[in-house]
PDB file of N, CA and C in Angstrom:
ATOM      1  N   MET A   1     100.368  24.782 112.880  1.00  0.00           N
ATOM      2  CA  MET A   1     100.486  26.195 113.511  1.00  0.00           C
ATOM      3  C   MET A   1      99.386  26.324 114.366  1.00  0.00           C
ATOM      4  N   LYS A   2      99.467  26.882 115.786  1.00  0.00           N
ATOM      5  CA  LYS A   2      98.349  27.173 116.406  1.00  0.00           C
ATOM      6  C   LYS A   2      98.138  28.720 116.402  1.00  0.00           C
ATOM      7  N   ARG A   3      97.004  29.252 116.055  1.00  0.00           N
ATOM      8  CA  ARG A   3      97.063  30.601 116.191  1.00  0.00           C
ATOM      9  C   ARG A   3      96.775  30.940 117.945  1.00  0.00           C
ATOM     10  N   LYS A   4      97.251  32.018 118.307  1.00  0.00           N
ATOM     11  CA  LYS A   4      97.130  32.300 119.595  1.00  0.00           C
ATOM     12  C   LYS A   4      95.835  33.228 119.681  1.00  0.00           C
ATOM     13  N   LYS A   5      95.086  32.948 120.708  1.00  0.00           N
ATOM     14  CA  LYS A   5      93.699  33.419 120.784  1.00  0.00           C
ATOM     15  C   LYS A   5      93.994  35.011 121.705  1.00  0.00           C
ATOM     16  N   GLN A   6      93.377  35.883 121.026  1.00  0.00           N
ATOM     17  CA  GLN A   6      93.415  37.230 121.576  1.00  0.00           C
ATOM     18  C   GLN A   6      92.422  37.420 122.468  1.00  0.00           C
ATOM     19  N   LEU A   7      92.601  37.955 123.498  1.00  0.00           N
ATOM     20  CA  LEU A   7      91.625  38.447 124.387  1.00  0.00           C
ATOM     21  C   LEU A   7      91.020  39.771 124.119  1.00  0.00           C
ATOM     22  N   ILE A   8      89.812  40.081 123.873  1.00  0.00           N
ATOM     23  CA  ILE A   8      89.274  41.080 123.676  1.00  0.00           C
ATOM     24  C   ILE A   8      88.365  41.560 124.885  1.00  0.00           C
ATOM     25  N   LYS A   9      88.835  42.919 125.246  1.00  0.00           N
ATOM     26  CA  LYS A   9      88.182  43.371 126.462  1.00  0.00           C
ATOM     27  C   LYS A   9      87.039  44.431 125.794  1.00  0.00           C
ATOM     28  N   SER A  10      86.026  44.183 126.710  1.00  0.00           N
ATOM     29  CA  SER A  10      84.840  45.177 126.050  1.00  0.00           C
ATOM     30  C   SER A  10      85.320  46.609 126.763  1.00  0.00           C
ATOM     31  N   ILE A  11      85.251  47.763 126.083  1.00  0.00           N
ATOM     32  CA  ILE A  11      85.328  48.947 126.641  1.00  0.00           C
ATOM     33  C   ILE A  11      84.155  49.629 126.843  1.00  0.00           C
ATOM     34  N   ASN A  12      84.138  50.285 127.969  1.00  0.00           N
ATOM     35  CA  ASN A  12      82.862  51.065 128.287  1.00  0.00           C
ATOM     36  C   ASN A  12      82.949  52.388 127.859  1.00  0.00           C
ATOM     37  N   VAL A  13      81.761  52.616 126.919  1.00  0.00           N
ATOM     38  CA  VAL A  13      81.780  53.795 125.994  1.00  0.00           C
ATOM     39  C   VAL A  13      81.730  54.955 127.054  1.00  0.00           C
ATOM     40  N   ALA A  14      81.030  54.839 128.028  1.00  0.00           N
ATOM     41  CA  ALA A  14      80.780  55.927 128.843  1.00  0.00           C
ATOM     42  C   ALA A  14      82.069  56.398 129.598  1.00  0.00           C
ATOM     43  N   ASP A  15      82.941  55.654 129.862  1.00  0.00           N
ATOM     44  CA  ASP A  15      84.132  56.037 130.365  1.00  0.00           C
ATOM     45  C   ASP A  15      85.155  56.844 129.585  1.00  0.00           C
ATOM     46  N   VAL A  16      84.971  56.209 128.321  1.00  0.00           N
ATOM     47  CA  VAL A  16      85.666  57.070 127.160  1.00  0.00           C
ATOM     48  C   VAL A  16      85.244  58.372 127.010  1.00  0.00           C
ATOM     49  N   THR A  17      83.950  58.527 126.892  1.00  0.00           N
ATOM     50  CA  THR A  17      83.196  59.766 126.559  1.00  0.00           C
ATOM     51  C   THR A  17      83.683  60.843 127.831  1.00  0.00           C
ATOM     52  N   VAL A  18      83.562  60.547 128.990  1.00  0.00           N
ATOM     53  CA  VAL A  18      83.665  61.135 130.145  1.00  0.00           C
ATOM     54  C   VAL A  18      85.130  61.655 129.970  1.00  0.00           C
ATOM     55  N   THR A  19      86.020  60.826 129.870  1.00  0.00           N
ATOM     56  CA  THR A  19      87.457  61.402 129.601  1.00  0.00           C
ATOM     57  C   THR A  19      87.823  62.260 128.612  1.00  0.00           C
ATOM     58  N   LEU A  20      87.134  62.084 127.423  1.00  0.00           N
ATOM     59  CA  LEU A  20      87.229  62.916 126.121  1.00  0.00           C
ATOM     60  C   LEU A  20      86.682  64.203 126.440  1.00  0.00           C
ATOM     61  N   THR A  21      85.348  64.269 127.000  1.00  0.00           N
ATOM     62  CA  THR A  21      84.687  65.469 127.149  1.00  0.00           C
ATOM     63  C   THR A  21      84.920  66.397 128.393  1.00  0.00           C
ATOM     64  N   SER A  22      85.866  65.800 129.344  1.00  0.00           N
ATOM     65  CA  SER A  22      85.967  66.620 130.396  1.00  0.00           C
ATOM     66  C   SER A  22      87.008  67.919 130.208  1.00  0.00           C
ATOM     67  N   ASP A  23      86.894  68.874 131.044  1.00  0.00           N
ATOM     68  CA  ASP A  23      87.666  70.044 130.972  1.00  0.00           C
ATOM     69  C   ASP A  23      89.254  69.549 131.046  1.00  0.00           C
ATOM     70  N   PRO A  24      90.112  70.167 130.329  1.00  0.00           N
ATOM     71  CA  PRO A  24      91.572  69.965 130.557  1.00  0.00           C
ATOM     72  C   PRO A  24      91.869  70.868 131.710  1.00  0.00           C
ATOM     73  N   PRO A  25      92.869  70.664 132.318  1.00  0.00           N
ATOM     74  CA  PRO A  25      93.515  71.498 133.499  1.00  0.00           C
ATOM     75  C   PRO A  25      93.968  72.953 132.851  1.00  0.00           C
ATOM     76  N   GLN A  26      93.361  73.793 133.801  1.00  0.00           N
ATOM     77  CA  GLN A  26      93.811  75.157 133.377  1.00  0.00           C
ATOM     78  C   GLN A  26      95.402  75.536 133.585  1.00  0.00           C
ATOM     79  N   VAL A  27      95.787  76.080 132.644  1.00  0.00           N
ATOM     80  CA  VAL A  27      97.361  76.587 132.622  1.00  0.00           C
ATOM     81  C   VAL A  27      97.585  77.842 133.353  1.00  0.00           C
ATOM     82  N   ASP A  28      98.634  77.845 134.336  1.00  0.00           N
ATOM     83  CA  ASP A  28      98.769  78.999 135.016  1.00  0.00           C
ATOM     84  C   ASP A  28      99.949  79.831 134.209  1.00  0.00           C
ATOM     85  N   ILE A  29      99.754  80.976 134.254  1.00  0.00           N
ATOM     86  CA  ILE A  29     100.744  81.965 133.403  1.00  0.00           C
ATOM     87  C   ILE A  29     101.716  82.427 134.393  1.00  0.00           C
ATOM     88  N   THR A  30     102.852  82.008 134.395  1.00  0.00           N
ATOM     89  CA  THR A  30     103.730  82.291 135.431  1.00  0.00           C
ATOM     90  C   THR A  30     104.680  83.417 134.918  1.00  0.00           C
ATOM     91  N   TRP A  31     105.539  83.857 135.865  1.00  0.00           N
ATOM     92  CA  TRP A  31     106.398  84.834 135.482  1.00  0.00           C
ATOM     93  C   TRP A  31     107.619  84.324 134.249  1.00  0.00           C
ATOM     94  N   GLN A  32     107.886  82.926 134.534  1.00  0.00           N
ATOM     95  CA  GLN A  32     108.743  82.313 133.486  1.00  0.00           C
ATOM     96  C   GLN A  32     108.293  82.647 132.026  1.00  0.00           C
ATOM     97  N   ILE A  33     106.976  82.215 131.963  1.00  0.00           N
ATOM     98  CA  ILE A  33     106.318  82.365 130.627  1.00  0.00           C
ATOM     99  C   ILE A  33     106.431  83.600 130.099  1.00  0.00           C
ATOM    100  N   VAL A  34     106.046  84.715 130.838  1.00  0.00           N
ATOM    101  CA  VAL A  34     106.106  86.304 130.572  1.00  0.00           C
ATOM    102  C   VAL A  34     107.417  86.521 130.208  1.00  0.00           C
ATOM    103  N   VAL A  35     108.376  86.140 131.009  1.00  0.00           N
ATOM    104  CA  VAL A  35     109.883  86.514 130.668  1.00  0.00           C
ATOM    105  C   VAL A  35     110.333  85.978 129.472  1.00  0.00           C
ATOM    106  N   GLY A  36     110.166  84.646 129.113  1.00  0.00           N
ATOM    107  CA  GLY A  36     110.491  83.898 128.195  1.00  0.00           C
ATOM    108  C   GLY A  36     109.826  84.305 126.837  1.00  0.00           C
ATOM    109  N   SER A  37     108.655  84.852 126.786  1.00  0.00           N
ATOM    110  CA  SER A  37     107.847  85.428 125.681  1.00  0.00           C
ATOM    111  C   SER A  37     108.570  86.710 125.425  1.00  0.00           C
ATOM    112  N   LEU A  38     108.943  87.554 126.408  1.00  0.00           N
ATOM    113  CA  LEU A  38     109.464  88.886 125.993  1.00  0.00           C
ATOM    114  C   LEU A  38     110.924  88.577 125.419  1.00  0.00           C
ATOM    115  N   ALA A  39     111.684  87.672 126.126  1.00  0.00           N
ATOM    116  CA  ALA A  39     112.858  87.495 125.559  1.00  0.00           C
ATOM    117  C   ALA A  39     113.072  86.876 123.995  1.00  0.00           C
ATOM    118  N   GLY A  40     111.802  86.083 123.723  1.00  0.00           N
ATOM    119  CA  GLY A  40     111.694  85.658 122.455  1.00  0.00           C
ATOM    120  C   GLY A  40     111.165  86.656 121.311  1.00  0.00           C
ATOM    121  N   VAL A  41     110.467  87.776 121.898  1.00  0.00           N
ATOM    122  CA  VAL A  41     109.878  88.532 120.734  1.00  0.00           C
ATOM    123  C   VAL A  41     110.766  89.855 120.742  1.00  0.00           C
ATOM    124  N   THR A  42     111.492  90.267 121.631  1.00  0.00           N
ATOM    125  CA  THR A  42     112.390  91.199 121.682  1.00  0.00           C
ATOM    126  C   THR A  42     113.310  91.526 120.767  1.00  0.00           C
ATOM    127  N   PRO A  43     114.101  90.382 120.177  1.00  0.00           N
ATOM    128  CA  PRO A  43     115.102  90.657 119.271  1.00  0.00           C
ATOM    129  C   PRO A  43     114.442  90.879 117.851  1.00  0.00           C
ATOM    130  N   PHE A  44     113.076  90.404 117.602  1.00  0.00           N
ATOM    131  CA  PHE A  44     112.616  90.652 116.262  1.00  0.00           C
ATOM    132  C   PHE A  44     111.986  92.052 116.325  1.00  0.00           C
ATOM    133  N   VAL A  45     111.595  92.628 117.421  1.00  0.00           N
ATOM    134  CA  VAL A  45     111.207  93.874 117.376  1.00  0.00           C
ATOM    135  C   VAL A  45     112.465  94.873 117.108  1.00  0.00           C
ATOM    136  N   VAL A  46     113.483  94.647 117.860  1.00  0.00           N
ATOM    137  CA  VAL A  46     114.562  95.604 117.647  1.00  0.00           C
ATOM    138  C   VAL A  46     115.046  95.544 116.310  1.00  0.00           C
ATOM    139  N   ALA A  47     115.159  94.315 115.649  1.00  0.00           N
ATOM    140  CA  ALA A  47     115.615  94.196 114.147  1.00  0.00           C
ATOM    141  C   ALA A  47     114.797  94.856 113.229  1.00  0.00           C
ATOM    142  N   GLY A  48     113.321  94.703 113.521  1.00  0.00           N
ATOM    143  CA  GLY A  48     112.372  95.565 112.721  1.00  0.00           C
ATOM    144  C   GLY A  48     112.578  96.886 112.719  1.00  0.00           C
ATOM    145  N   VAL A  49     112.854  97.471 114.131  1.00  0.00           N
ATOM    146  CA  VAL A  49     113.127  98.971 114.121  1.00  0.00           C
ATOM    147  C   VAL A  49     114.526  99.372 113.215  1.00  0.00           C
ATOM    148  N   GLU A  50     115.542  98.792 113.452  1.00  0.00           N
ATOM    149  CA  GLU A  50     116.924  99.087 113.016  1.00  0.00           C
ATOM    150  C   GLU A  50     116.735  98.971 111.316  1.00  0.00           C
ATOM    151  N   PHE A  51     116.012  97.730 110.924  1.00  0.00           N
ATOM    152  CA  PHE A  51     116.184  97.524 109.404  1.00  0.00           C
ATOM    153  C   PHE A  51     115.438  98.512 108.963  1.00  0.00           C
ATOM    154  N   SER A  52     114.119  99.191 109.501  1.00  0.00           N
ATOM    155  CA  SER A  52     113.340 100.210 108.841  1.00  0.00           C
ATOM    156  C   SER A  52     114.022 101.413 108.728  1.00  0.00           C
ATOM    157  N   LYS A  53     115.114 101.727 109.855  1.00  0.00           N
ATOM    158  CA  LYS A  53     115.798 103.006 109.838  1.00  0.00           C
ATOM    159  C   LYS A  53     116.778 102.765 108.476  1.00  0.00           C
ATOM    160  N   ARG A  54     117.329 101.806 108.346  1.00  0.00           N
ATOM    161  CA  ARG A  54     118.405 101.761 107.206  1.00  0.00           C
ATOM    162  C   ARG A  54     117.776 101.768 105.836  1.00  0.00           C
ATOM    163  N   ILE A  55     116.558 101.236 105.961  1.00  0.00           N
ATOM    164  CA  ILE A  55     115.684 101.205 104.562  1.00  0.00           C
ATOM    165  C   ILE A  55     115.261 102.862 104.248  1.00  0.00           C
ATOM    166  N   VAL A  56     114.766 103.417 105.323  1.00  0.00           N
ATOM    167  CA  VAL A  56     114.316 104.887 105.101  1.00  0.00           C
ATOM    168  C   VAL A  56     115.533 105.580 104.690  1.00  0.00           C
ATOM    169  N   LYS A  57     116.697 105.444 105.422  1.00  0.00           N
ATOM    170  CA  LYS A  57     118.050 106.208 104.931  1.00  0.00           C
ATOM    171  C   LYS A  57     118.438 105.869 103.490  1.00  0.00           C
ATOM    172  N   GLN A  58     118.342 104.669 103.097  1.00  0.00           N
ATOM    173  CA  GLN A  58     118.646 104.404 101.664  1.00  0.00           C
ATOM    174  C   GLN A  58     117.546 104.936 100.732  1.00  0.00           C
ATOM    175  N   ARG A  59     116.377 105.039 100.964  1.00  0.00           N
ATOM    176  CA  ARG A  59     115.333 105.604 100.055  1.00  0.00           C
ATOM    177  C   ARG A  59     115.581 107.163  99.839  1.00  0.00           C
ATOM    178  N   LYS A  60     116.280 107.632 100.994  1.00  0.00           N
ATOM    179  CA  LYS A  60     116.332 109.207 100.966  1.00  0.00           C
ATOM    180  C   LYS A  60     117.633 109.736 100.300  1.00  0.00           C
ATOM    181  N   CYS A  61     118.760 108.588 100.163  1.00  0.00           N
ATOM    182  CA  CYS A  61     119.902 108.753  99.560  1.00  0.00           C
ATOM    183  C   CYS A  61     120.024 109.550  98.146  1.00  0.00           C
ATOM    184  N   GLU A  62     120.696 110.631  98.329  1.00  0.00           N
ATOM    185  CA  GLU A  62     120.766 111.350  96.822  1.00  0.00           C
ATOM    186  C   GLU A  62     121.831 110.953  96.187  1.00  0.00           C
ATOM    187  N   VAL A  63     122.920 110.041  96.646  1.00  0.00           N
ATOM    188  CA  VAL A  63     124.025 109.561  95.731  1.00  0.00           C
ATOM    189  C   VAL A  63     123.492 108.421  94.871  1.00  0.00           C
ATOM    190  N   CYS A  64     122.750 107.503  95.415  1.00  0.00           N
ATOM    191  CA  CYS A  64     122.268 106.253  94.586  1.00  0.00           C
ATOM    192  C   CYS A  64     120.871 106.491  94.199  1.00  0.00           C
ATOM    193  N   GLY A  65     120.169 107.434  94.647  1.00  0.00           N
ATOM    194  CA  GLY A  65     118.708 107.412  94.258  1.00  0.00           C
ATOM    195  C   GLY A  65     117.805 106.437  95.014  1.00  0.00           C
ATOM    196  N   GLY A  66     118.312 105.822  95.928  1.00  0.00           N
ATOM    197  CA  GLY A  66     117.405 104.778  96.877  1.00  0.00           C
ATOM    198  C   GLY A  66     117.488 103.414  96.229  1.00  0.00           C
ATOM    199  N   SER A  67     118.558 103.179  95.254  1.00  0.00           N
ATOM    200  CA  SER A  67     118.856 101.811  94.703  1.00  0.00           C
ATOM    201  C   SER A  67     119.755 101.078  95.433  1.00  0.00           C
ATOM    202  N   GLY A  68     120.469 101.823  96.255  1.00  0.00           N
ATOM    203  CA  GLY A  68     121.804 101.259  96.869  1.00  0.00           C
ATOM    204  C   GLY A  68     122.853 100.791  96.135  1.00  0.00           C
ATOM    205  N   LEU A  69     122.933 101.061  94.867  1.00  0.00           N
ATOM    206  CA  LEU A  69     123.952 100.610  94.126  1.00  0.00           C
ATOM    207  C   LEU A  69     124.565 102.042  93.388  1.00  0.00           C
ATOM    208  N   VAL A  70     125.652 101.985  93.276  1.00  0.00           N
ATOM    209  CA  VAL A  70     126.469 103.070  92.428  1.00  0.00           C
ATOM    210  C   VAL A  70     127.333 102.456  91.250  1.00  0.00           C
ATOM    211  N   LEU A  71     127.473 102.987  90.144  1.00  0.00           N
ATOM    212  CA  LEU A  71     128.185 102.483  89.065  1.00  0.00           C
ATOM    213  C   LEU A  71     129.752 102.817  89.294  1.00  0.00           C
ATOM    214  N   LYS A  72     130.600 101.798  89.477  1.00  0.00           N
ATOM    215  CA  LYS A  72     131.986 102.208  89.365  1.00  0.00           C
ATOM    216  C   LYS A  72     132.753 101.530  88.499  1.00  0.00           C
ATOM    217  N   LYS A  73     133.563 102.137  87.435  1.00  0.00           N
ATOM    218  CA  LYS A  73     133.790 101.470  86.348  1.00  0.00           C
ATOM    219  C   LYS A  73     132.894 100.859  85.802  1.00  0.00           C
ATOM    220  N   LYS A  74     132.766  99.474  85.464  1.00  0.00           N
ATOM    221  CA  LYS A  74     131.744  98.900  84.899  1.00  0.00           C
ATOM    222  C   LYS A  74     130.920  97.961  85.614  1.00  0.00           C
ATOM    223  N   PHE A  75     131.061  98.160  86.923  1.00  0.00           N
ATOM    224  CA  PHE A  75     130.399  97.217  87.833  1.00  0.00           C
ATOM    225  C   PHE A  75     129.439  98.117  88.923  1.00  0.00           C
ATOM    226  N   CYS A  76     128.470  97.486  89.277  1.00  0.00           N
ATOM    227  CA  CYS A  76     127.548  98.151  90.284  1.00  0.00           C
ATOM    228  C   CYS A  76     128.136  97.726  91.779  1.00  0.00           C
ATOM    229  N   LYS A  77     128.395  98.730  92.402  1.00  0.00           N
ATOM    230  CA  LYS A  77     129.046  98.569  93.802  1.00  0.00           C
ATOM    231  C   LYS A  77     128.014  99.211  94.827  1.00  0.00           C
ATOM    232  N   ARG A  78     127.941  98.916  95.936  1.00  0.00           N
ATOM    233  CA  ARG A  78     127.175  99.348  97.260  1.00  0.00           C
ATOM    234  C   ARG A  78     127.438 100.632  97.382  1.00  0.00           C
ATOM    235  N   CYS A  79     126.481 101.626  97.759  1.00  0.00           N
ATOM    236  CA  CYS A  79     126.357 103.050  97.887  1.00  0.00           C
ATOM    237  C   CYS A  79     127.455 103.459  99.086  1.00  0.00           C
ATOM    238  N   PRO A  80     128.448 104.244  98.765  1.00  0.00           N
ATOM    239  CA  PRO A  80     129.279 104.681 100.208  1.00  0.00           C
ATOM    240  C   PRO A  80     128.660 105.412 101.069  1.00  0.00           C
ATOM    241  N   SER A  81     127.496 106.246 100.537  1.00  0.00           N
ATOM    242  CA  SER A  81     126.656 107.242 101.440  1.00  0.00           C
ATOM    243  C   SER A  81     125.726 106.512 102.471  1.00  0.00           C
ATOM    244  N   CYS A  82     124.968 105.619 101.777  1.00  0.00           N
ATOM    245  CA  CYS A  82     123.740 104.864 102.647  1.00  0.00           C
ATOM    246  C   CYS A  82     124.200 103.567 102.986  1.00  0.00           C
ATOM    247  N   GLY A  83     125.140 102.817 102.266  1.00  0.00           N
ATOM    248  CA  GLY A  83     125.609 101.500 102.656  1.00  0.00           C
ATOM    249  C   GLY A  83     124.962 100.409 101.746  1.00  0.00           C
ATOM    250  N   GLY A  84     123.928 100.929 101.216  1.00  0.00           N
ATOM    251  CA  GLY A  84     123.384  99.878 100.176  1.00  0.00           C
ATOM    252  C   GLY A  84     122.834  98.793 100.888  1.00  0.00           C
ATOM    253  N   PHE A  85     122.046  98.900 101.752  1.00  0.00           N
ATOM    254  CA  PHE A  85     121.352  97.835 102.667  1.00  0.00           C
ATOM    255  C   PHE A  85     120.695  96.921 101.741  1.00  0.00           C
ATOM    256  N   LEU A  86     119.739  97.474 100.926  1.00  0.00           N
ATOM    257  CA  LEU A  86     118.972  96.605  99.919  1.00  0.00           C
ATOM    258  C   LEU A  86     119.445  96.886  98.602  1.00  0.00           C
ATOM    259  N   PRO A  87     120.524  96.388  98.153  1.00  0.00           N
ATOM    260  CA  PRO A  87     120.982  96.770  96.562  1.00  0.00           C
ATOM    261  C   PRO A  87     119.889  96.449  95.714  1.00  0.00           C
ATOM    262  N   TRP A  88     119.068  97.198  94.822  1.00  0.00           N
ATOM    263  CA  TRP A  88     118.197  96.877  94.034  1.00  0.00           C
ATOM    264  C   TRP A  88     118.150  97.821  92.779  1.00  0.00           C
ATOM    265  N   GLN A  89     117.916  97.372  91.509  1.00  0.00           N
ATOM    266  CA  GLN A  89     117.695  98.305  90.604  1.00  0.00           C
ATOM    267  C   GLN A  89     116.437  97.770  89.681  1.00  0.00           C
ATOM    268  N   SER A  90     116.293  96.585  89.624  1.00  0.00           N
ATOM    269  CA  SER A  90     115.053  96.022  88.578  1.00  0.00           C
ATOM    270  C   SER A  90     114.924  94.712  88.875  1.00  0.00           C
ATOM    271  N   TRP A  91     113.650  94.015  88.504  1.00  0.00           N
ATOM    272  CA  TRP A  91     113.554  92.607  88.376  1.00  0.00           C
ATOM    273  C   TRP A  91     114.196  92.077  87.254  1.00  0.00           C
ATOM    274  N   ARG A  92     114.420  92.701  86.129  1.00  0.00           N
ATOM    275  CA  ARG A  92     115.111  92.296  85.047  1.00  0.00           C
ATOM    276  C   ARG A  92     116.580  91.914  85.216  1.00  0.00           C
ATOM    277  N   ARG A  93     117.167  92.936  85.851  1.00  0.00           N
ATOM    278  CA  ARG A  93     118.706  92.690  86.419  1.00  0.00           C
ATOM    279  C   ARG A  93     118.863  91.692  87.416  1.00  0.00           C
ATOM    280  N   PHE A  94     117.738  91.631  88.428  1.00  0.00           N
ATOM    281  CA  PHE A  94     117.854  90.404  89.285  1.00  0.00           C
ATOM    282  C   PHE A  94     117.903  89.185  88.901  1.00  0.00           C
ATOM    283  N   PHE A  95     116.808  88.854  87.771  1.00  0.00           N
ATOM    284  CA  PHE A  95     116.793  87.569  87.160  1.00  0.00           C
ATOM    285  C   PHE A  95     117.932  87.251  86.176  1.00  0.00           C
ATOM    286  N   THR A  96     118.462  88.229  85.650  1.00  0.00           N
ATOM    287  CA  THR A  96     119.615  88.156  84.494  1.00  0.00           C
ATOM    288  C   THR A  96     120.937  88.286  85.087  1.00  0.00           C
ATOM    289  N   GLY A  97     120.986  88.703  86.256  1.00  0.00           N
ATOM    290  CA  GLY A  97     122.236  89.061  86.888  1.00  0.00           C
ATOM    291  C   GLY A  97     123.033  87.973  87.354  1.00  0.00           C
TER     292      GLY A  97
END
């Protein structure tokens, strides 16, 4: 078996360093980027506002005392007054439930 001889080209180090250290082209921020960014962020802002409203309503609820749960017969159900958005009683019930 004959081994193929590989041709090794010498690379000029100066050419490589010039291409690595040169400034990248500047990015233009166009209206498409601005509109796309706003469209991507808007749902999260709206959701944050709406969820915080529901959490505040639940914390102020007098029926469930802020837990979001009401005892009906022998089971805990969501509070009919505030909706029980975040049903919560304790870490112990969370892990054993």
